[in-house]
Amino acid sequence: MKIICFGDSITRGYDVREGLGWVELCSAALPAYHMENHGIDGLSVQGLINYLESWCIDKSYEDDRYICIMCGTNDILQNRDSDYVYNKLIKAATIAGEKGHVIMGLETQIDSEMDGLNHVVVDVNRRLQEYAREHGLRTIDFYTVLHEADQIGQIVFAGEVHPNERGYRLMAYKALETFTRL
């Protein structure tokens, strides 16, 4: 089983020591799986498309390959609207789907509703869930797991966007719910 994760700094594990990001925690919990982290700090959704196109060039479809994509926060922070982010993510999912099964990671909240942008995250995530349901794709709801922890007073963010160690652990637990059922 191969799980290849693409995304931005939240996928990479920004703001915590190496090995404590959600992808690495999942990898440690699933030693029989081959996991790769292709998270890139500052990645935009167009950058994700470009990176996937390059990565896919020499790959054929593999039935035991799962490609998890989560991206969009950087675009939202640059005031891109939900239509832009959603449409680019659907294009990324289409590209990834030519090489394996797609898992859509739902983007985490923008803590403290910075500049009123969290509503864009919520809208993109809602639309991605609908798309995934219609197309038989799996999702990992990172948004809800961190939002609910935040609502009961747990400190799960290191700043406005990036989770802290507790936040990444919660993300890993949520991802493992999906990964262990593949």
C-alpha atoms as a PDB file:
ATOM      1  CA  MET A   1       0.000   0.000   0.000  1.00  0.00           C
ATOM      2  CA  LYS A   2       1.355   3.404  -1.003  1.00  0.00           C
ATOM      3  CA  ILE A   3       0.056   6.694   0.371  1.00  0.00           C
ATOM      4  CA  ILE A   4       1.501   9.771  -1.289  1.00  0.00           C
ATOM      5  CA  CYS A   5       0.618  13.095   0.364  1.00  0.00           C
ATOM      6  CA  PHE A   6       0.758  16.369  -1.547  1.00  0.00           C
ATOM      7  CA  GLY A   7       0.072  19.796  -0.124  1.00  0.00           C
ATOM      8  CA  ASP A   8       1.397  22.909   1.492  1.00  0.00           C
ATOM      9  CA  SER A   9       3.242  23.559   4.765  1.00  0.00           C
ATOM     10  CA  ILE A  10       0.460  21.930   6.787  1.00  0.00           C
ATOM     11  CA  THR A  11       1.114  18.683   4.929  1.00  0.00           C
ATOM     12  CA  ARG A  12       4.862  19.137   5.338  1.00  0.00           C
ATOM     13  CA  GLY A  13       4.542  19.647   9.105  1.00  0.00           C
ATOM     14  CA  TYR A  14       5.591  23.283   9.463  1.00  0.00           C
ATOM     15  CA  ASP A  15       6.180  24.654  12.981  1.00  0.00           C
ATOM     16  CA  VAL A  16       7.016  21.314  14.636  1.00  0.00           C
ATOM     17  CA  ARG A  17      10.182  19.240  14.864  1.00  0.00           C
ATOM     18  CA  GLU A  18      10.873  16.761  12.078  1.00  0.00           C
ATOM     19  CA  GLY A  19       8.847  13.599  12.516  1.00  0.00           C
ATOM     20  CA  LEU A  20       5.965  15.301  14.338  1.00  0.00           C
ATOM     21  CA  GLY A  21       3.888  16.392  11.350  1.00  0.00           C
ATOM     22  CA  TRP A  22       0.703  14.457  10.605  1.00  0.00           C
ATOM     23  CA  VAL A  23       2.163  12.551   7.630  1.00  0.00           C
ATOM     24  CA  GLU A  24       5.205  11.391   9.593  1.00  0.00           C
ATOM     25  CA  LEU A  25       3.066  10.375  12.565  1.00  0.00           C
ATOM     26  CA  CYS A  26       0.877   8.299  10.245  1.00  0.00           C
ATOM     27  CA  SER A  27       3.941   6.756   8.642  1.00  0.00           C
ATOM     28  CA  ALA A  28       5.299   5.737  12.058  1.00  0.00           C
ATOM     29  CA  ALA A  29       1.923   4.220  12.980  1.00  0.00           C
ATOM     30  CA  LEU A  30       1.701   2.267   9.702  1.00  0.00           C
ATOM     31  CA  PRO A  31       5.143   0.708   9.138  1.00  0.00           C
ATOM     32  CA  ALA A  32       3.780  -1.748   6.546  1.00  0.00           C
ATOM     33  CA  TYR A  33       2.646   1.160   4.333  1.00  0.00           C
ATOM     34  CA  HIS A  34       4.901   3.131   2.021  1.00  0.00           C
ATOM     35  CA  MET A  35       4.233   6.812   2.755  1.00  0.00           C
ATOM     36  CA  GLU A  36       5.694   9.883   1.104  1.00  0.00           C
ATOM     37  CA  ASN A  37       5.350  13.505   2.165  1.00  0.00           C
ATOM     38  CA  HIS A  38       5.415  15.974  -0.726  1.00  0.00           C
ATOM     39  CA  GLY A  39       4.346  18.972   1.337  1.00  0.00           C
ATOM     40  CA  ILE A  40       5.918  22.267   0.252  1.00  0.00           C
ATOM     41  CA  ASP A  41       5.886  25.439   2.352  1.00  0.00           C
ATOM     42  CA  GLY A  42       3.989  28.235   0.633  1.00  0.00           C
ATOM     43  CA  LEU A  43       2.493  25.997  -2.064  1.00  0.00           C
ATOM     44  CA  SER A  44      -0.479  27.439  -3.942  1.00  0.00           C
ATOM     45  CA  VAL A  45      -3.179  25.361  -5.609  1.00  0.00           C
ATOM     46  CA  GLN A  46      -1.701  26.195  -9.028  1.00  0.00           C
ATOM     47  CA  GLY A  47       1.688  25.135  -7.680  1.00  0.00           C
ATOM     48  CA  LEU A  48       0.090  21.869  -6.545  1.00  0.00           C
ATOM     49  CA  ILE A  49      -1.204  21.280 -10.083  1.00  0.00           C
ATOM     50  CA  ASN A  50       2.237  21.994 -11.557  1.00  0.00           C
ATOM     51  CA  TYR A  51       3.940  19.696  -9.045  1.00  0.00           C
ATOM     52  CA  LEU A  52       1.447  16.871  -9.641  1.00  0.00           C
ATOM     53  CA  GLU A  53       1.847  17.160 -13.405  1.00  0.00           C
ATOM     54  CA  SER A  54       5.617  16.866 -13.038  1.00  0.00           C
ATOM     55  CA  TRP A  55       5.389  13.989 -10.528  1.00  0.00           C
ATOM     56  CA  CYS A  56       2.927  12.094 -12.740  1.00  0.00           C
ATOM     57  CA  ILE A  57       5.014  12.154 -15.929  1.00  0.00           C
ATOM     58  CA  ASP A  58       6.695   8.787 -15.406  1.00  0.00           C
ATOM     59  CA  LYS A  59       3.969   7.153 -13.292  1.00  0.00           C
ATOM     60  CA  SER A  60       1.323   4.702 -14.414  1.00  0.00           C
ATOM     61  CA  TYR A  61      -1.911   4.027 -12.551  1.00  0.00           C
ATOM     62  CA  GLU A  62      -1.449   1.744  -9.536  1.00  0.00           C
ATOM     63  CA  ASP A  63      -4.434   0.300  -7.740  1.00  0.00           C
ATOM     64  CA  ASP A  64      -2.580   0.171  -4.416  1.00  0.00           C
ATOM     65  CA  ARG A  65      -1.543   3.855  -4.637  1.00  0.00           C
ATOM     66  CA  TYR A  66      -3.554   6.450  -2.718  1.00  0.00           C
ATOM     67  CA  ILE A  67      -2.865  10.111  -3.369  1.00  0.00           C
ATOM     68  CA  CYS A  68      -3.907  12.491  -0.620  1.00  0.00           C
ATOM     69  CA  ILE A  69      -4.123  16.159  -1.591  1.00  0.00           C
ATOM     70  CA  MET A  70      -4.701  19.086   0.739  1.00  0.00           C
ATOM     71  CA  CYS A  71      -3.972  22.649  -0.260  1.00  0.00           C
ATOM     72  CA  GLY A  72      -5.556  26.089  -0.474  1.00  0.00           C
ATOM     73  CA  THR A  73      -4.692  28.026   2.664  1.00  0.00           C
ATOM     74  CA  ASN A  74      -1.981  30.077   0.974  1.00  0.00           C
ATOM     75  CA  ASP A  75      -4.367  31.045  -1.827  1.00  0.00           C
ATOM     76  CA  ILE A  76      -7.077  32.008   0.648  1.00  0.00           C
ATOM     77  CA  LEU A  77      -4.575  34.117   2.601  1.00  0.00           C
ATOM     78  CA  GLN A  78      -3.860  35.907  -0.699  1.00  0.00           C
ATOM     79  CA  ASN A  79      -7.595  36.658  -1.038  1.00  0.00           C
ATOM     80  CA  ARG A  80      -8.365  34.124  -3.739  1.00  0.00           C
ATOM     81  CA  ASP A  81     -12.046  33.237  -3.616  1.00  0.00           C
ATOM     82  CA  SER A  82     -13.597  29.843  -3.000  1.00  0.00           C
ATOM     83  CA  ASP A  83     -14.429  29.299  -6.698  1.00  0.00           C
ATOM     84  CA  TYR A  84     -10.770  29.701  -7.664  1.00  0.00           C
ATOM     85  CA  VAL A  85      -9.465  27.407  -4.910  1.00  0.00           C
ATOM     86  CA  TYR A  86     -12.161  24.769  -5.413  1.00  0.00           C
ATOM     87  CA  ASN A  87     -11.776  24.615  -9.206  1.00  0.00           C
ATOM     88  CA  LYS A  88      -7.989  24.289  -8.960  1.00  0.00           C
ATOM     89  CA  LEU A  89      -8.322  21.518  -6.360  1.00  0.00           C
ATOM     90  CA  ILE A  90     -10.733  19.625  -8.616  1.00  0.00           C
ATOM     91  CA  LYS A  91      -8.180  19.900 -11.425  1.00  0.00           C
ATOM     92  CA  ALA A  92      -5.482  18.583  -9.049  1.00  0.00           C
ATOM     93  CA  ALA A  93      -7.753  15.693  -8.011  1.00  0.00           C
ATOM     94  CA  THR A  94      -8.378  14.844 -11.658  1.00  0.00           C
ATOM     95  CA  ILE A  95      -4.641  14.722 -12.391  1.00  0.00           C
ATOM     96  CA  ALA A  96      -3.960  12.621  -9.274  1.00  0.00           C
ATOM     97  CA  GLY A  97      -6.828  10.282 -10.128  1.00  0.00           C
ATOM     98  CA  GLU A  98      -4.999   9.213 -13.283  1.00  0.00           C
ATOM     99  CA  LYS A  99      -2.254   7.662 -11.117  1.00  0.00           C
ATOM    100  CA  GLY A 100      -4.117   6.277  -8.093  1.00  0.00           C
ATOM    101  CA  HIS A 101      -7.074   6.611  -5.759  1.00  0.00           C
ATOM    102  CA  VAL A 102      -7.631  10.172  -4.562  1.00  0.00           C
ATOM    103  CA  ILE A 103      -8.195  11.194  -0.956  1.00  0.00           C
ATOM    104  CA  MET A 104      -9.212  14.813  -0.405  1.00  0.00           C
ATOM    105  CA  GLY A 105      -7.852  16.377   2.775  1.00  0.00           C
ATOM    106  CA  LEU A 106     -10.166  19.135   3.979  1.00  0.00           C
ATOM    107  CA  GLU A 107      -8.149  22.238   4.801  1.00  0.00           C
ATOM    108  CA  THR A 108      -7.779  23.288   8.444  1.00  0.00           C
ATOM    109  CA  GLN A 109      -9.387  26.402   9.842  1.00  0.00           C
ATOM    110  CA  ILE A 110      -7.724  29.773   9.816  1.00  0.00           C
ATOM    111  CA  ASP A 111      -7.504  30.302  13.564  1.00  0.00           C
ATOM    112  CA  SER A 112      -9.087  33.409  15.087  1.00  0.00           C
ATOM    113  CA  GLU A 113     -11.030  34.050  11.854  1.00  0.00           C
ATOM    114  CA  MET A 114      -8.079  36.106  10.603  1.00  0.00           C
ATOM    115  CA  ASP A 115      -9.352  38.839   8.259  1.00  0.00           C
ATOM    116  CA  GLY A 116     -12.695  37.029   7.957  1.00  0.00           C
ATOM    117  CA  LEU A 117     -11.149  34.406   5.657  1.00  0.00           C
ATOM    118  CA  ASN A 118     -12.249  31.258   7.467  1.00  0.00           C
ATOM    119  CA  HIS A 119     -15.626  31.350   5.676  1.00  0.00           C
ATOM    120  CA  VAL A 120     -13.743  30.708   2.407  1.00  0.00           C
ATOM    121  CA  VAL A 121     -12.134  27.592   3.929  1.00  0.00           C
ATOM    122  CA  VAL A 122     -15.556  26.383   5.095  1.00  0.00           C
ATOM    123  CA  ASP A 123     -17.080  26.935   1.637  1.00  0.00           C
ATOM    124  CA  VAL A 124     -14.243  25.150  -0.191  1.00  0.00           C
ATOM    125  CA  ASN A 125     -14.415  22.213   2.231  1.00  0.00           C
ATOM    126  CA  ARG A 126     -18.208  21.926   1.861  1.00  0.00           C
ATOM    127  CA  ARG A 127     -17.906  21.857  -1.920  1.00  0.00           C
ATOM    128  CA  LEU A 128     -15.052  19.335  -1.808  1.00  0.00           C
ATOM    129  CA  GLN A 129     -17.141  17.036   0.394  1.00  0.00           C
ATOM    130  CA  GLU A 130     -20.007  17.231  -2.111  1.00  0.00           C
ATOM    131  CA  TYR A 131     -17.647  16.524  -5.007  1.00  0.00           C
ATOM    132  CA  ALA A 132     -16.086  13.591  -3.162  1.00  0.00           C
ATOM    133  CA  ARG A 133     -19.512  12.109  -2.404  1.00  0.00           C
ATOM    134  CA  GLU A 134     -20.598  12.456  -6.037  1.00  0.00           C
ATOM    135  CA  HIS A 135     -17.372  10.877  -7.353  1.00  0.00           C
ATOM    136  CA  GLY A 136     -16.795   8.169  -4.744  1.00  0.00           C
ATOM    137  CA  LEU A 137     -13.669   9.773  -3.248  1.00  0.00           C
ATOM    138  CA  ARG A 138     -12.609   9.568   0.366  1.00  0.00           C
ATOM    139  CA  THR A 139     -12.102  12.700   2.457  1.00  0.00           C
ATOM    140  CA  ILE A 140     -10.224  13.403   5.662  1.00  0.00           C
ATOM    141  CA  ASP A 141     -11.955  16.129   7.663  1.00  0.00           C
ATOM    142  CA  PHE A 142      -8.986  17.893   9.219  1.00  0.00           C
ATOM    143  CA  TYR A 143     -11.084  21.039   9.608  1.00  0.00           C
ATOM    144  CA  THR A 144     -13.639  19.601  12.019  1.00  0.00           C
ATOM    145  CA  VAL A 145     -11.168  17.732  14.226  1.00  0.00           C
ATOM    146  CA  LEU A 146      -9.118  20.898  14.866  1.00  0.00           C
ATOM    147  CA  HIS A 147     -12.131  23.206  15.031  1.00  0.00           C
ATOM    148  CA  GLU A 148     -13.862  21.064  17.666  1.00  0.00           C
ATOM    149  CA  ALA A 149     -10.685  20.841  19.756  1.00  0.00           C
ATOM    150  CA  ASP A 150     -10.241  24.613  19.459  1.00  0.00           C
ATOM    151  CA  GLN A 151     -13.860  25.189  20.525  1.00  0.00           C
ATOM    152  CA  ILE A 152     -13.368  23.311  23.804  1.00  0.00           C
ATOM    153  CA  GLY A 153     -10.260  25.306  24.642  1.00  0.00           C
ATOM    154  CA  GLN A 154      -7.477  23.014  23.462  1.00  0.00           C
ATOM    155  CA  ILE A 155      -4.533  24.909  22.032  1.00  0.00           C
ATOM    156  CA  VAL A 156      -4.050  23.219  18.636  1.00  0.00           C
ATOM    157  CA  PHE A 157      -2.433  26.018  16.614  1.00  0.00           C
ATOM    158  CA  ALA A 158       1.103  27.386  16.795  1.00  0.00           C
ATOM    159  CA  GLY A 159      -0.091  30.594  15.124  1.00  0.00           C
ATOM    160  CA  GLU A 160      -2.942  31.639  12.870  1.00  0.00           C
ATOM    161  CA  VAL A 161      -2.657  28.776  10.369  1.00  0.00           C
ATOM    162  CA  HIS A 162      -0.217  26.062  11.384  1.00  0.00           C
ATOM    163  CA  PRO A 163      -1.086  23.397  13.919  1.00  0.00           C
ATOM    164  CA  ASN A 164       1.144  22.757  16.922  1.00  0.00           C
ATOM    165  CA  GLU A 165       2.220  19.267  18.054  1.00  0.00           C
ATOM    166  CA  ARG A 166      -1.210  18.536  19.558  1.00  0.00           C
ATOM    167  CA  GLY A 167      -2.914  19.749  16.374  1.00  0.00           C
ATOM    168  CA  TYR A 168      -0.762  17.560  14.145  1.00  0.00           C
ATOM    169  CA  ARG A 169      -1.413  14.565  16.435  1.00  0.00           C
ATOM    170  CA  LEU A 170      -5.154  15.133  16.082  1.00  0.00           C
ATOM    171  CA  MET A 171      -4.735  15.388  12.310  1.00  0.00           C
ATOM    172  CA  ALA A 172      -2.773  12.129  12.291  1.00  0.00           C
ATOM    173  CA  TYR A 173      -5.488  10.339  14.295  1.00  0.00           C
ATOM    174  CA  LYS A 174      -8.092  11.607  11.836  1.00  0.00           C
ATOM    175  CA  ALA A 175      -6.018  10.531   8.824  1.00  0.00           C
ATOM    176  CA  LEU A 176      -5.405   7.100  10.350  1.00  0.00           C
ATOM    177  CA  GLU A 177      -9.168   6.554  10.525  1.00  0.00           C
ATOM    178  CA  THR A 178      -9.139   6.691   6.722  1.00  0.00           C
ATOM    179  CA  PHE A 179      -5.754   5.127   6.011  1.00  0.00           C
ATOM    180  CA  THR A 180      -6.421   2.017   8.111  1.00  0.00           C
ATOM    181  CA  ARG A 181      -9.616   1.346   6.113  1.00  0.00           C
ATOM    182  CA  LEU A 182      -8.065   1.421   2.647  1.00  0.00           C
END
